[in-house]
Amino acid sequence: MLLQRILTAIPLAILAVWAILYQSTEVLMYAFLLVSFIAGWEWAQLAGIKSPVLRITLGVVLTITVYLSYKYILHTVWLHYLLMVTVTWWCLVMYRMAVKPPAPASEKFSLIKLLIMFITIVPPVLSLLRVHEIGQGPYWLLYMVTLVWVADIGAYFSGRKFGKVKLAPHLSPGKTREGLYGGLFLTSLYSGAAALFFKLNIEQAIWLVVVTVLATVISVAGDLFISLLKRERGVKDTGAILPGHGGVLDRIDSITSSAPFFLVMLDYILRHG
């Protein structure tokens, strides 16, 4: 399984780095539209929609929503308000997962879960595109994306070596607190290297470390939230399009929660240079 994950991850990582560094924001937007369509298809299953036609329809609706948001929200003050709502939403999600176990698995349709898709998918896509546009944007976006990868690597090896205490046994039995600490440690080191690369001053560098640590924690919330939805639906993966990884939602779950928060704080960091 690990080898299969690696063989799938390497070409995807190379493609992602190439697109981020060498393609325009508009080209990235079209790539994200494809990802949004697949995510909508997979989310329909989590919401209890079985009909392939309806799942395709939901994918199209989500894709159109992302495109219209890109055209009419990305460069307006409404993006700031949307991000504030999104960050608040994820804080509520973390509280809900901490105090309440997942509901029993059910195949029933849930309108609430269906609507949740829009706040889970649209804001992070806009956040990634907005970051790509700013000064040194492609490199900041690469940092945002690889931050999740670094956290996963730190959590995986630290959890394998030292993992004893389950982080959220009712949601993801494989995750441990020691794994989380390993991810936080590695991303902290990574943020220090990034501060040197971006030539940040001392205050900015300290803020970047703090924001990186918080973003790492929030990224875990995105992962656990998709795990919660899968458990309440009674499925192992959101899809099977990525061998060894599952579906698209299984791969982007962490970035859905961390990207909006990171954009808000990155704007603060850069303005206080």
Protein backbone atom coordinates (compact mmCIF):
# COMPACT_ATOMS: atom_id res chain seq x y z
CA MET A 1 0.00 0.00 0.00
CA LEU A 2 2.81 2.43 0.87
CA LEU A 3 4.58 1.73 -2.43
CA GLN A 4 1.34 2.28 -4.34
CA ARG A 5 0.79 5.58 -2.54
CA ILE A 6 4.32 6.70 -3.40
CA LEU A 7 4.00 5.70 -7.05
CA THR A 8 0.80 7.73 -7.30
CA ALA A 9 2.05 10.68 -5.26
CA ILE A 10 5.32 11.30 -7.13
CA PRO A 11 3.85 12.13 -10.58
CA LEU A 12 1.04 14.12 -8.95
CA ALA A 13 3.58 16.11 -6.93
CA ILE A 14 5.71 16.82 -9.99
CA LEU A 15 2.66 17.93 -11.96
CA ALA A 16 1.49 20.16 -9.09
CA VAL A 17 4.90 21.84 -8.70
CA TRP A 18 5.17 22.43 -12.45
CA ALA A 19 1.68 23.92 -12.65
CA ILE A 20 2.16 26.17 -9.63
CA LEU A 21 5.55 27.55 -10.68
CA TYR A 22 5.20 27.74 -14.46
CA GLN A 23 1.51 28.24 -15.25
CA SER A 24 -0.67 31.33 -14.97
CA THR A 25 -3.37 31.74 -12.33
CA GLU A 26 -6.01 31.32 -15.02
CA VAL A 27 -4.56 27.99 -16.11
CA LEU A 28 -4.53 26.89 -12.46
CA MET A 29 -8.14 27.97 -12.19
CA TYR A 30 -9.15 25.61 -15.00
CA ALA A 31 -7.22 22.80 -13.36
CA PHE A 32 -9.06 23.51 -10.11
CA LEU A 33 -12.36 23.39 -11.98
CA LEU A 34 -11.59 19.80 -12.95
CA VAL A 35 -10.70 18.98 -9.35
CA SER A 36 -13.90 20.69 -8.20
CA PHE A 37 -16.01 18.59 -10.55
CA ILE A 38 -14.50 15.35 -9.24
CA ALA A 39 -14.85 16.59 -5.66
CA GLY A 40 -18.52 17.36 -6.28
CA TRP A 41 -19.05 13.88 -7.70
CA GLU A 42 -17.44 12.31 -4.63
CA TRP A 43 -19.21 14.62 -2.17
CA ALA A 44 -22.58 13.62 -3.60
CA GLN A 45 -21.93 10.10 -2.31
CA LEU A 46 -21.09 11.42 1.16
CA ALA A 47 -24.38 13.37 1.15
CA GLY A 48 -26.32 10.21 0.29
CA ILE A 49 -26.88 10.71 -3.45
CA LYS A 50 -26.69 7.44 -5.36
CA SER A 51 -27.86 8.42 -8.84
CA PRO A 52 -24.90 8.88 -11.23
CA VAL A 53 -26.84 11.58 -13.09
CA LEU A 54 -27.45 13.55 -9.91
CA ARG A 55 -23.82 13.12 -8.84
CA ILE A 56 -22.64 14.46 -12.18
CA THR A 57 -25.11 17.33 -11.85
CA LEU A 58 -23.76 18.20 -8.43
CA GLY A 59 -20.22 18.15 -9.80
CA VAL A 60 -21.26 20.56 -12.55
CA VAL A 61 -23.03 22.86 -10.08
CA LEU A 62 -19.96 22.99 -7.83
CA THR A 63 -17.70 23.64 -10.83
CA ILE A 64 -19.90 26.53 -12.02
CA THR A 65 -19.97 27.95 -8.48
CA VAL A 66 -16.17 27.89 -8.28
CA TYR A 67 -15.88 29.59 -11.69
CA LEU A 68 -18.40 32.34 -10.87
CA SER A 69 -16.70 32.91 -7.52
CA TYR A 70 -13.38 33.28 -9.31
CA LYS A 71 -14.86 35.82 -11.72
CA TYR A 72 -16.92 37.89 -9.30
CA ILE A 73 -15.57 37.39 -5.75
CA LEU A 74 -11.82 36.78 -5.95
CA HIS A 75 -10.86 40.44 -6.38
CA THR A 76 -13.51 42.01 -4.16
CA VAL A 77 -13.89 42.71 -0.46
CA TRP A 78 -16.39 39.84 -0.37
CA LEU A 79 -13.49 37.40 -0.47
CA HIS A 80 -12.32 38.70 2.91
CA TYR A 81 -15.78 38.24 4.41
CA LEU A 82 -16.06 34.76 2.91
CA LEU A 83 -12.71 33.79 4.40
CA MET A 84 -13.73 35.07 7.83
CA VAL A 85 -16.90 32.98 7.70
CA THR A 86 -14.93 29.97 6.53
CA VAL A 87 -12.32 30.19 9.28
CA THR A 88 -15.12 30.55 11.85
CA TRP A 89 -16.83 27.53 10.31
CA TRP A 90 -13.73 25.39 10.73
CA CYS A 91 -13.42 26.44 14.36
CA LEU A 92 -16.99 25.24 14.90
CA VAL A 93 -16.22 21.99 13.05
CA MET A 94 -13.23 21.34 15.33
CA TYR A 95 -15.39 21.95 18.41
CA ARG A 96 -18.12 19.67 17.08
CA MET A 97 -15.68 16.83 16.39
CA ALA A 98 -14.12 17.23 19.83
CA VAL A 99 -17.39 16.98 21.78
CA LYS A 100 -19.59 14.74 19.65
CA PRO A 101 -18.87 11.34 18.07
CA PRO A 102 -19.95 10.62 14.49
CA ALA A 103 -23.53 9.54 13.91
CA PRO A 104 -24.24 5.91 12.98
CA ALA A 105 -23.55 5.08 9.34
CA SER A 106 -26.54 5.83 7.12
CA GLU A 107 -27.32 5.87 3.41
CA LYS A 108 -30.02 8.53 3.81
CA PHE A 109 -29.74 11.77 1.87
CA SER A 110 -28.61 14.80 3.92
CA LEU A 111 -29.31 18.28 2.58
CA ILE A 112 -27.08 19.83 5.26
CA LYS A 113 -24.10 17.73 4.19
CA LEU A 114 -24.80 18.65 0.59
CA LEU A 115 -24.75 22.38 1.35
CA ILE A 116 -21.62 22.03 3.50
CA MET A 117 -19.80 21.06 0.33
CA PHE A 118 -19.81 24.66 -0.94
CA ILE A 119 -18.14 26.20 2.12
CA THR A 120 -15.69 23.29 2.24
CA ILE A 121 -14.58 23.47 -1.41
CA VAL A 122 -15.14 26.98 -2.81
CA PRO A 123 -13.22 29.15 -0.26
CA PRO A 124 -10.00 27.06 -0.34
CA VAL A 125 -9.96 27.11 -4.15
CA LEU A 126 -10.30 30.91 -4.09
CA SER A 127 -7.60 31.09 -1.42
CA LEU A 128 -5.13 29.09 -3.50
CA LEU A 129 -5.80 31.20 -6.58
CA ARG A 130 -5.50 34.46 -4.67
CA VAL A 131 -2.17 33.46 -3.15
CA HIS A 132 -0.86 32.60 -6.61
CA GLU A 133 -1.48 36.21 -7.72
CA ILE A 134 0.41 38.06 -4.98
CA GLY A 135 4.11 38.96 -4.96
CA GLN A 136 6.16 35.73 -5.06
CA GLY A 137 2.74 34.10 -5.24
CA PRO A 138 3.75 30.85 -6.98
CA TYR A 139 6.36 30.21 -4.29
CA TRP A 140 3.95 31.06 -1.47
CA LEU A 141 1.37 28.73 -2.99
CA LEU A 142 3.99 26.01 -3.30
CA TYR A 143 4.78 26.53 0.38
CA MET A 144 1.09 26.24 1.32
CA VAL A 145 0.67 23.00 -0.60
CA THR A 146 3.95 21.39 0.44
CA LEU A 147 3.26 22.39 4.04
CA VAL A 148 0.49 19.80 4.09
CA TRP A 149 2.84 17.24 2.53
CA VAL A 150 5.54 17.96 5.11
CA ALA A 151 3.00 17.66 7.94
CA ASP A 152 1.82 14.30 6.58
CA ILE A 153 5.39 13.01 6.33
CA GLY A 154 6.24 14.14 9.86
CA ALA A 155 3.02 12.68 11.25
CA TYR A 156 3.47 9.37 9.41
CA PHE A 157 7.00 8.61 10.56
CA SER A 158 6.58 10.05 14.05
CA GLY A 159 3.34 8.14 14.50
CA ARG A 160 4.95 4.90 13.30
CA LYS A 161 7.91 5.33 15.66
CA PHE A 162 6.36 6.83 18.77
CA GLY A 163 2.58 6.68 18.30
CA LYS A 164 0.69 5.46 21.36
CA VAL A 165 -2.11 7.88 22.23
CA LYS A 166 -4.93 8.02 19.67
CA LEU A 167 -5.73 11.53 18.44
CA ALA A 168 -9.34 10.86 17.41
CA PRO A 169 -10.08 7.13 17.72
CA HIS A 170 -13.75 7.56 16.81
CA LEU A 171 -12.82 9.26 13.53
CA SER A 172 -9.37 8.07 12.42
CA PRO A 173 -7.87 5.28 14.54
CA GLY A 174 -4.53 5.52 12.71
CA LYS A 175 -3.80 9.06 13.84
CA THR A 176 -1.93 9.62 17.11
CA ARG A 177 -1.00 12.64 19.17
CA GLU A 178 2.66 11.74 18.76
CA GLY A 179 2.14 11.79 14.99
CA LEU A 180 0.62 15.26 15.25
CA TYR A 181 3.57 16.45 17.33
CA GLY A 182 5.95 15.06 14.70
CA GLY A 183 4.06 16.90 11.98
CA LEU A 184 4.16 20.15 13.98
CA PHE A 185 7.87 19.78 14.62
CA LEU A 186 8.72 19.19 10.97
CA THR A 187 6.51 22.01 9.68
CA SER A 188 8.05 24.37 12.24
CA LEU A 189 11.49 23.61 10.82
CA TYR A 190 10.08 24.00 7.34
CA SER A 191 8.65 27.42 8.17
CA GLY A 192 12.05 28.54 9.42
CA ALA A 193 13.62 27.56 6.10
CA ALA A 194 10.78 29.33 4.27
CA ALA A 195 11.39 32.52 6.27
CA LEU A 196 14.98 32.53 5.03
CA PHE A 197 13.91 31.83 1.45
CA PHE A 198 11.37 34.67 1.44
CA LYS A 199 13.84 36.96 3.26
CA LEU A 200 11.39 37.83 6.03
CA ASN A 201 12.36 40.05 8.92
CA ILE A 202 12.41 38.69 12.48
CA GLU A 203 8.83 39.67 13.28
CA GLN A 204 7.54 38.21 10.03
CA ALA A 205 9.54 35.01 10.55
CA ILE A 206 8.10 34.51 14.03
CA TRP A 207 4.60 35.08 12.71
CA LEU A 208 5.20 32.61 9.89
CA VAL A 209 6.22 29.91 12.37
CA VAL A 210 3.12 30.60 14.49
CA VAL A 211 0.80 30.63 11.47
CA THR A 212 2.39 27.46 10.11
CA VAL A 213 1.84 25.61 13.39
CA LEU A 214 -1.80 26.74 13.55
CA ALA A 215 -2.35 25.92 9.88
CA THR A 216 -0.96 22.44 10.50
CA VAL A 217 -3.44 21.88 13.32
CA ILE A 218 -6.31 23.19 11.21
CA SER A 219 -5.24 20.97 8.30
CA VAL A 220 -5.77 17.95 10.57
CA ALA A 221 -9.33 19.19 11.16
CA GLY A 222 -10.01 19.02 7.41
CA ASP A 223 -8.68 15.47 7.30
CA LEU A 224 -10.76 14.40 10.30
CA PHE A 225 -13.90 16.08 8.97
CA ILE A 226 -13.80 14.09 5.74
CA SER A 227 -13.17 11.00 7.87
CA LEU A 228 -16.29 11.86 9.89
CA LEU A 229 -18.38 12.18 6.74
CA LYS A 230 -17.07 8.85 5.45
CA ARG A 231 -17.87 7.12 8.72
CA GLU A 232 -21.38 8.55 8.79
CA ARG A 233 -21.85 7.33 5.23
CA GLY A 234 -20.19 3.95 5.86
CA VAL A 235 -17.46 4.13 3.21
CA LYS A 236 -13.69 3.73 3.44
CA ASP A 237 -12.66 6.22 0.76
CA THR A 238 -14.38 9.09 -1.02
CA GLY A 239 -13.48 7.51 -4.36
CA ALA A 240 -11.00 5.32 -6.20
CA ILE A 241 -9.51 7.66 -8.79
CA LEU A 242 -6.10 7.80 -7.07
CA PRO A 243 -4.59 4.33 -6.45
CA GLY A 244 -3.38 3.97 -2.89
CA HIS A 245 -4.97 7.26 -1.84
CA GLY A 246 -8.67 6.88 -2.60
CA GLY A 247 -10.52 9.84 -4.03
CA VAL A 248 -9.73 13.47 -4.69
CA LEU A 249 -11.37 14.51 -1.41
CA ASP A 250 -9.08 12.09 0.41
CA ARG A 251 -6.10 14.00 -1.02
CA ILE A 252 -7.32 17.60 -0.65
CA ASP A 253 -9.05 17.29 2.73
CA SER A 254 -6.24 18.97 4.68
CA ILE A 255 -5.88 21.91 2.29
CA THR A 256 -9.62 22.64 2.39
CA SER A 257 -9.37 23.73 6.01
CA SER A 258 -5.85 25.21 6.09
CA ALA A 259 -5.84 27.33 2.88
CA PRO A 260 -8.41 29.99 3.93
CA PHE A 261 -6.75 30.47 7.30
CA PHE A 262 -3.29 30.66 5.77
CA LEU A 263 -4.36 33.30 3.23
CA VAL A 264 -5.85 35.51 5.94
CA MET A 265 -2.70 35.32 8.04
CA LEU A 266 -0.32 35.59 5.06
CA ASP A 267 -1.91 38.90 4.16
CA TYR A 268 -1.25 40.08 7.72
CA ILE A 269 2.37 38.87 7.64
CA LEU A 270 3.19 40.57 4.35
CA ARG A 271 1.54 43.84 5.35
CA HIS A 272 3.73 44.03 8.46
CA GLY A 273 7.03 43.68 6.68
